[in-house]
Amino acid sequence: MKPAIHPEYKTAMIHCACGYVVETRSTVGNIHVEICSNCHPFFTGKQKLLDSAGRVEKFRRKYGLKTEPAGDRG
């Protein structure tokens, strides 16, 4: 490696909005994030399910499409 061209790699703290703090190393310094693996719904298991069936029906009504029978998908 060439001397004096690489950024300084120093200790940094990652602060989440939920209060979770992680110590790591970075060239950027301290990092502030809104969501982390400690509070993200996918990782915590508190995932909110969307009503996709209602959204599909709304789309079909809006554009006048007929609904397909469930067993008629070839």
PDB file of N, CA and C in Angstrom:
ATOM      1  N   MET A   1       0.841  -1.182   0.000  1.00  0.00           N
ATOM      2  CA  MET A   1       0.000   0.000   0.000  1.00  0.00           C
ATOM      3  C   MET A   1       0.882   1.240   0.000  1.00  0.00           C
ATOM      4  N   LYS A   2       0.435   2.242  -0.713  1.00  0.00           N
ATOM      5  CA  LYS A   2       1.171   3.499  -0.752  1.00  0.00           C
ATOM      6  C   LYS A   2       0.907   4.266   0.543  1.00  0.00           C
ATOM      7  N   PRO A   3       1.916   4.879   1.100  1.00  0.00           N
ATOM      8  CA  PRO A   3       1.714   5.658   2.333  1.00  0.00           C
ATOM      9  C   PRO A   3       1.006   6.986   2.049  1.00  0.00           C
ATOM     10  N   ALA A   4       0.245   7.445   3.012  1.00  0.00           N
ATOM     11  CA  ALA A   4      -0.398   8.764   3.026  1.00  0.00           C
ATOM     12  C   ALA A   4      -1.514   8.949   1.990  1.00  0.00           C
ATOM     13  N   ILE A   5      -2.085   7.882   1.426  1.00  0.00           N
ATOM     14  CA  ILE A   5      -3.214   8.058   0.516  1.00  0.00           C
ATOM     15  C   ILE A   5      -4.492   7.409   1.036  1.00  0.00           C
ATOM     16  N   HIS A   6      -4.394   6.626   2.093  1.00  0.00           N
ATOM     17  CA  HIS A   6      -5.559   5.927   2.638  1.00  0.00           C
ATOM     18  C   HIS A   6      -6.186   6.733   3.769  1.00  0.00           C
ATOM     19  N   PRO A   7      -7.519   6.734   3.859  1.00  0.00           N
ATOM     20  CA  PRO A   7      -8.181   7.466   4.948  1.00  0.00           C
ATOM     21  C   PRO A   7      -7.920   6.797   6.292  1.00  0.00           C
ATOM     22  N   GLU A   8      -8.065   7.578   7.342  1.00  0.00           N
ATOM     23  CA  GLU A   8      -7.852   7.068   8.698  1.00  0.00           C
ATOM     24  C   GLU A   8      -9.022   6.166   9.086  1.00  0.00           C
ATOM     25  N   TYR A   9      -8.713   4.959   9.556  1.00  0.00           N
ATOM     26  CA  TYR A   9      -9.707   3.964   9.950  1.00  0.00           C
ATOM     27  C   TYR A   9      -9.763   3.968  11.458  1.00  0.00           C
ATOM     28  N   LYS A  10     -10.768   4.645  12.028  1.00  0.00           N
ATOM     29  CA  LYS A  10     -10.816   4.848  13.477  1.00  0.00           C
ATOM     30  C   LYS A  10     -12.078   4.254  14.097  1.00  0.00           C
ATOM     31  N   THR A  11     -12.122   4.200  15.404  1.00  0.00           N
ATOM     32  CA  THR A  11     -13.275   3.692  16.140  1.00  0.00           C
ATOM     33  C   THR A  11     -14.454   4.640  15.955  1.00  0.00           C
ATOM     34  N   ALA A  12     -15.642   4.056  15.698  1.00  0.00           N
ATOM     35  CA  ALA A  12     -16.849   4.856  15.488  1.00  0.00           C
ATOM     36  C   ALA A  12     -18.013   4.217  16.233  1.00  0.00           C
ATOM     37  N   MET A  13     -18.988   5.041  16.564  1.00  0.00           N
ATOM     38  CA  MET A  13     -20.195   4.570  17.236  1.00  0.00           C
ATOM     39  C   MET A  13     -21.370   4.743  16.283  1.00  0.00           C
ATOM     40  N   ILE A  14     -22.206   3.695  16.179  1.00  0.00           N
ATOM     41  CA  ILE A  14     -23.431   3.764  15.383  1.00  0.00           C
ATOM     42  C   ILE A  14     -24.579   3.912  16.373  1.00  0.00           C
ATOM     43  N   HIS A  15     -25.322   5.024  16.264  1.00  0.00           N
ATOM     44  CA  HIS A  15     -26.433   5.317  17.163  1.00  0.00           C
ATOM     45  C   HIS A  15     -27.740   5.171  16.401  1.00  0.00           C
ATOM     46  N   CYS A  16     -28.643   4.344  16.921  1.00  0.00           N
ATOM     47  CA  CYS A  16     -29.962   4.163  16.313  1.00  0.00           C
ATOM     48  C   CYS A  16     -30.968   5.064  17.028  1.00  0.00           C
ATOM     49  N   ALA A  17     -32.074   5.381  16.358  1.00  0.00           N
ATOM     50  CA  ALA A  17     -33.123   6.201  16.953  1.00  0.00           C
ATOM     51  C   ALA A  17     -33.781   5.505  18.147  1.00  0.00           C
ATOM     52  N   CYS A  18     -33.724   4.162  18.186  1.00  0.00           N
ATOM     53  CA  CYS A  18     -34.318   3.424  19.302  1.00  0.00           C
ATOM     54  C   CYS A  18     -33.419   3.434  20.539  1.00  0.00           C
ATOM     55  N   GLY A  19     -32.198   3.927  20.407  1.00  0.00           N
ATOM     56  CA  GLY A  19     -31.288   3.999  21.542  1.00  0.00           C
ATOM     57  C   GLY A  19     -30.188   2.951  21.508  1.00  0.00           C
ATOM     58  N   TYR A  20     -30.238   2.037  20.582  1.00  0.00           N
ATOM     59  CA  TYR A  20     -29.231   0.983  20.462  1.00  0.00           C
ATOM     60  C   TYR A  20     -27.925   1.581  19.937  1.00  0.00           C
ATOM     61  N   VAL A  21     -26.806   1.225  20.551  1.00  0.00           N
ATOM     62  CA  VAL A  21     -25.507   1.763  20.168  1.00  0.00           C
ATOM     63  C   VAL A  21     -24.550   0.609  19.897  1.00  0.00           C
ATOM     64  N   VAL A  22     -23.826   0.686  18.784  1.00  0.00           N
ATOM     65  CA  VAL A  22     -22.865  -0.333  18.398  1.00  0.00           C
ATOM     66  C   VAL A  22     -21.517   0.337  18.180  1.00  0.00           C
ATOM     67  N   GLU A  23     -20.474  -0.277  18.690  1.00  0.00           N
ATOM     68  CA  GLU A  23     -19.132   0.246  18.469  1.00  0.00           C
ATOM     69  C   GLU A  23     -18.492  -0.542  17.326  1.00  0.00           C
ATOM     70  N   THR A  24     -17.943   0.168  16.365  1.00  0.00           N
ATOM     71  CA  THR A  24     -17.317  -0.446  15.205  1.00  0.00           C
ATOM     72  C   THR A  24     -16.157   0.428  14.762  1.00  0.00           C
ATOM     73  N   ARG A  25     -15.619   0.137  13.592  1.00  0.00           N
ATOM     74  CA  ARG A  25     -14.557   0.970  13.034  1.00  0.00           C
ATOM     75  C   ARG A  25     -15.010   1.480  11.680  1.00  0.00           C
ATOM     76  N   SER A  26     -14.663   2.742  11.370  1.00  0.00           N
ATOM     77  CA  SER A  26     -15.108   3.347  10.130  1.00  0.00           C
ATOM     78  C   SER A  26     -14.204   4.510   9.745  1.00  0.00           C
ATOM     79  N   THR A  27     -14.224   4.837   8.468  1.00  0.00           N
ATOM     80  CA  THR A  27     -13.502   6.024   8.008  1.00  0.00           C
ATOM     81  C   THR A  27     -14.373   7.266   8.129  1.00  0.00           C
ATOM     82  N   VAL A  28     -15.674   7.083   8.343  1.00  0.00           N
ATOM     83  CA  VAL A  28     -16.623   8.191   8.391  1.00  0.00           C
ATOM     84  C   VAL A  28     -16.683   8.844   9.764  1.00  0.00           C
ATOM     85  N   GLY A  29     -16.569   8.086  10.805  1.00  0.00           N
ATOM     86  CA  GLY A  29     -16.736   8.598  12.162  1.00  0.00           C
ATOM     87  C   GLY A  29     -18.034   8.080  12.743  1.00  0.00           C
ATOM     88  N   ASN A  30     -18.665   8.857  13.610  1.00  0.00           N
ATOM     89  CA  ASN A  30     -19.923   8.440  14.224  1.00  0.00           C
ATOM     90  C   ASN A  30     -21.047   8.469  13.192  1.00  0.00           C
ATOM     91  N   ILE A  31     -21.957   7.477  13.300  1.00  0.00           N
ATOM     92  CA  ILE A  31     -23.053   7.325  12.343  1.00  0.00           C
ATOM     93  C   ILE A  31     -24.367   7.294  13.115  1.00  0.00           C
ATOM     94  N   HIS A  32     -25.370   8.018  12.620  1.00  0.00           N
ATOM     95  CA  HIS A  32     -26.703   8.030  13.215  1.00  0.00           C
ATOM     96  C   HIS A  32     -27.677   7.423  12.209  1.00  0.00           C
ATOM     97  N   VAL A  33     -28.437   6.377  12.624  1.00  0.00           N
ATOM     98  CA  VAL A  33     -29.401   5.707  11.751  1.00  0.00           C
ATOM     99  C   VAL A  33     -30.788   5.765  12.377  1.00  0.00           C
ATOM    100  N   GLU A  34     -31.817   5.641  11.545  1.00  0.00           N
ATOM    101  CA  GLU A  34     -33.193   5.676  12.028  1.00  0.00           C
ATOM    102  C   GLU A  34     -33.688   4.311  12.479  1.00  0.00           C
ATOM    103  N   ILE A  35     -33.177   3.241  11.869  1.00  0.00           N
ATOM    104  CA  ILE A  35     -33.653   1.896  12.184  1.00  0.00           C
ATOM    105  C   ILE A  35     -32.476   0.930  12.116  1.00  0.00           C
ATOM    106  N   CYS A  36     -32.467  -0.057  12.997  1.00  0.00           N
ATOM    107  CA  CYS A  36     -31.369  -1.027  13.046  1.00  0.00           C
ATOM    108  C   CYS A  36     -31.951  -2.438  13.163  1.00  0.00           C
ATOM    109  N   SER A  37     -31.092  -3.428  13.222  1.00  0.00           N
ATOM    110  CA  SER A  37     -31.556  -4.812  13.338  1.00  0.00           C
ATOM    111  C   SER A  37     -32.208  -5.078  14.689  1.00  0.00           C
ATOM    112  N   ASN A  38     -31.955  -4.221  15.655  1.00  0.00           N
ATOM    113  CA  ASN A  38     -32.547  -4.382  16.978  1.00  0.00           C
ATOM    114  C   ASN A  38     -34.017  -3.948  16.998  1.00  0.00           C
ATOM    115  N   CYS A  39     -34.403  -3.018  16.128  1.00  0.00           N
ATOM    116  CA  CYS A  39     -35.776  -2.512  16.144  1.00  0.00           C
ATOM    117  C   CYS A  39     -36.512  -2.697  14.813  1.00  0.00           C
ATOM    118  N   HIS A  40     -35.870  -3.246  13.789  1.00  0.00           N
ATOM    119  CA  HIS A  40     -36.520  -3.434  12.491  1.00  0.00           C
ATOM    120  C   HIS A  40     -37.571  -4.542  12.589  1.00  0.00           C
ATOM    121  N   PRO A  41     -38.780  -4.325  12.053  1.00  0.00           N
ATOM    122  CA  PRO A  41     -39.854  -5.323  12.166  1.00  0.00           C
ATOM    123  C   PRO A  41     -39.502  -6.690  11.583  1.00  0.00           C
ATOM    124  N   PHE A  42     -38.708  -6.737  10.535  1.00  0.00           N
ATOM    125  CA  PHE A  42     -38.348  -8.023   9.935  1.00  0.00           C
ATOM    126  C   PHE A  42     -37.523  -8.873  10.899  1.00  0.00           C
ATOM    127  N   PHE A  43     -36.609  -8.261  11.620  1.00  0.00           N
ATOM    128  CA  PHE A  43     -35.732  -8.998  12.525  1.00  0.00           C
ATOM    129  C   PHE A  43     -36.357  -9.245  13.891  1.00  0.00           C
ATOM    130  N   THR A  44     -37.289  -8.407  14.327  1.00  0.00           N
ATOM    131  CA  THR A  44     -37.900  -8.569  15.645  1.00  0.00           C
ATOM    132  C   THR A  44     -39.093  -9.518  15.621  1.00  0.00           C
ATOM    133  N   GLY A  45     -39.626  -9.811  14.426  1.00  0.00           N
ATOM    134  CA  GLY A  45     -40.780 -10.700  14.337  1.00  0.00           C
ATOM    135  C   GLY A  45     -42.094  -9.988  14.543  1.00  0.00           C
ATOM    136  N   LYS A  46     -42.075  -8.678  14.680  1.00  0.00           N
ATOM    137  CA  LYS A  46     -43.298  -7.896  14.859  1.00  0.00           C
ATOM    138  C   LYS A  46     -43.676  -7.260  13.530  1.00  0.00           C
ATOM    139  N   GLN A  47     -43.650  -8.069  12.484  1.00  0.00           N
ATOM    140  CA  GLN A  47     -43.895  -7.580  11.144  1.00  0.00           C
ATOM    141  C   GLN A  47     -45.378  -7.327  10.924  1.00  0.00           C
ATOM    142  N   LYS A  48     -45.705  -6.200  10.327  1.00  0.00           N
ATOM    143  CA  LYS A  48     -47.079  -5.829  10.060  1.00  0.00           C
ATOM    144  C   LYS A  48     -47.455  -6.346   8.670  1.00  0.00           C
ATOM    145  N   LEU A  49     -48.502  -7.139   8.589  1.00  0.00           N
ATOM    146  CA  LEU A  49     -48.936  -7.703   7.309  1.00  0.00           C
ATOM    147  C   LEU A  49     -49.855  -6.717   6.597  1.00  0.00           C
ATOM    148  N   LEU A  50     -49.644  -6.559   5.299  1.00  0.00           N
ATOM    149  CA  LEU A  50     -50.462  -5.650   4.512  1.00  0.00           C
ATOM    150  C   LEU A  50     -51.685  -6.362   3.968  1.00  0.00           C
ATOM    151  N   ASP A  51     -52.732  -5.631   3.751  1.00  0.00           N
ATOM    152  CA  ASP A  51     -53.957  -6.180   3.181  1.00  0.00           C
ATOM    153  C   ASP A  51     -53.846  -6.140   1.664  1.00  0.00           C
ATOM    154  N   SER A  52     -53.065  -7.056   1.100  1.00  0.00           N
ATOM    155  CA  SER A  52     -52.841  -7.049  -0.342  1.00  0.00           C
ATOM    156  C   SER A  52     -54.085  -7.485  -1.106  1.00  0.00           C
ATOM    157  N   ALA A  53     -54.901  -8.331  -0.513  1.00  0.00           N
ATOM    158  CA  ALA A  53     -56.117  -8.782  -1.200  1.00  0.00           C
ATOM    159  C   ALA A  53     -57.055  -7.604  -1.419  1.00  0.00           C
ATOM    160  N   GLY A  54     -57.197  -6.744  -0.454  1.00  0.00           N
ATOM    161  CA  GLY A  54     -58.038  -5.562  -0.602  1.00  0.00           C
ATOM    162  C   GLY A  54     -57.501  -4.610  -1.649  1.00  0.00           C
ATOM    163  N   ARG A  55     -56.195  -4.489  -1.749  1.00  0.00           N
ATOM    164  CA  ARG A  55     -55.577  -3.609  -2.735  1.00  0.00           C
ATOM    165  C   ARG A  55     -55.783  -4.153  -4.141  1.00  0.00           C
ATOM    166  N   VAL A  56     -55.715  -5.474  -4.302  1.00  0.00           N
ATOM    167  CA  VAL A  56     -55.931  -6.094  -5.609  1.00  0.00           C
ATOM    168  C   VAL A  56     -57.376  -5.892  -6.044  1.00  0.00           C
ATOM    169  N   GLU A  57     -58.311  -6.098  -5.135  1.00  0.00           N
ATOM    170  CA  GLU A  57     -59.725  -5.921  -5.456  1.00  0.00           C
ATOM    171  C   GLU A  57     -60.012  -4.475  -5.837  1.00  0.00           C
ATOM    172  N   LYS A  58     -59.417  -3.532  -5.150  1.00  0.00           N
ATOM    173  CA  LYS A  58     -59.600  -2.117  -5.454  1.00  0.00           C
ATOM    174  C   LYS A  58     -59.087  -1.817  -6.868  1.00  0.00           C
ATOM    175  N   PHE A  59     -57.948  -2.394  -7.226  1.00  0.00           N
ATOM    176  CA  PHE A  59     -57.386  -2.221  -8.567  1.00  0.00           C
ATOM    177  C   PHE A  59     -58.319  -2.795  -9.617  1.00  0.00           C
ATOM    178  N   ARG A  60     -58.836  -3.995  -9.365  1.00  0.00           N
ATOM    179  CA  ARG A  60     -59.733  -4.645 -10.322  1.00  0.00           C
ATOM    180  C   ARG A  60     -61.025  -3.837 -10.508  1.00  0.00           C
ATOM    181  N   ARG A  61     -61.574  -3.299  -9.409  1.00  0.00           N
ATOM    182  CA  ARG A  61     -62.778  -2.483  -9.516  1.00  0.00           C
ATOM    183  C   ARG A  61     -62.509  -1.191 -10.277  1.00  0.00           C
ATOM    184  N   LYS A  62     -61.361  -0.593 -10.038  1.00  0.00           N
ATOM    185  CA  LYS A  62     -61.009   0.678 -10.671  1.00  0.00           C
ATOM    186  C   LYS A  62     -60.913   0.536 -12.184  1.00  0.00           C
ATOM    187  N   TYR A  63     -60.323  -0.564 -12.642  1.00  0.00           N
ATOM    188  CA  TYR A  63     -60.113  -0.753 -14.072  1.00  0.00           C
ATOM    189  C   TYR A  63     -61.116  -1.711 -14.712  1.00  0.00           C
ATOM    190  N   GLY A  64     -62.144  -2.132 -13.971  1.00  0.00           N
ATOM    191  CA  GLY A  64     -63.213  -2.955 -14.519  1.00  0.00           C
ATOM    192  C   GLY A  64     -62.774  -4.342 -14.942  1.00  0.00           C
ATOM    193  N   LEU A  65     -61.795  -4.914 -14.268  1.00  0.00           N
ATOM    194  CA  LEU A  65     -61.315  -6.249 -14.608  1.00  0.00           C
ATOM    195  C   LEU A  65     -62.137  -7.296 -13.874  1.00  0.00           C
ATOM    196  N   LYS A  66     -62.376  -8.415 -14.542  1.00  0.00           N
ATOM    197  CA  LYS A  66     -63.103  -9.508 -13.915  1.00  0.00           C
ATOM    198  C   LYS A  66     -62.152 -10.298 -13.025  1.00  0.00           C
ATOM    199  N   THR A  67     -62.677 -10.852 -11.954  1.00  0.00           N
ATOM    200  CA  THR A  67     -61.860 -11.687 -11.083  1.00  0.00           C
ATOM    201  C   THR A  67     -61.785 -13.090 -11.645  1.00  0.00           C
ATOM    202  N   GLU A  68     -60.609 -13.710 -11.528  1.00  0.00           N
ATOM    203  CA  GLU A  68     -60.414 -15.078 -12.010  1.00  0.00           C
ATOM    204  C   GLU A  68     -60.799 -16.069 -10.926  1.00  0.00           C
ATOM    205  N   PRO A  69     -61.373 -17.211 -11.298  1.00  0.00           N
ATOM    206  CA  PRO A  69     -61.581 -18.260 -10.298  1.00  0.00           C
ATOM    207  C   PRO A  69     -60.217 -18.746  -9.798  1.00  0.00           C
ATOM    208  N   ALA A  70     -60.124 -19.076  -8.525  1.00  0.00           N
ATOM    209  CA  ALA A  70     -58.843 -19.433  -7.925  1.00  0.00           C
ATOM    210  C   ALA A  70     -58.231 -20.677  -8.539  1.00  0.00           C
ATOM    211  N   GLY A  71     -59.014 -21.660  -8.950  1.00  0.00           N
ATOM    212  CA  GLY A  71     -58.486 -22.903  -9.482  1.00  0.00           C
ATOM    213  C   GLY A  71     -58.237 -22.894 -10.986  1.00  0.00           C
ATOM    214  N   ASP A  72     -58.450 -21.757 -11.651  1.00  0.00           N
ATOM    215  CA  ASP A  72     -58.360 -21.707 -13.105  1.00  0.00           C
ATOM    216  C   ASP A  72     -57.072 -21.066 -13.589  1.00  0.00           C
ATOM    217  N   ARG A  73     -55.982 -21.275 -12.876  1.00  0.00           N
ATOM    218  CA  ARG A  73     -54.697 -20.722 -13.282  1.00  0.00           C
ATOM    219  C   ARG A  73     -53.872 -21.821 -13.923  1.00  0.00           C
ATOM    220  N   GLY A  74     -53.754 -21.803 -15.210  1.00  0.00           N
ATOM    221  CA  GLY A  74     -53.118 -22.893 -15.928  1.00  0.00           C
ATOM    222  C   GLY A  74     -51.713 -22.742 -16.075  1.00  0.00           C
TER     223      GLY A  74
END
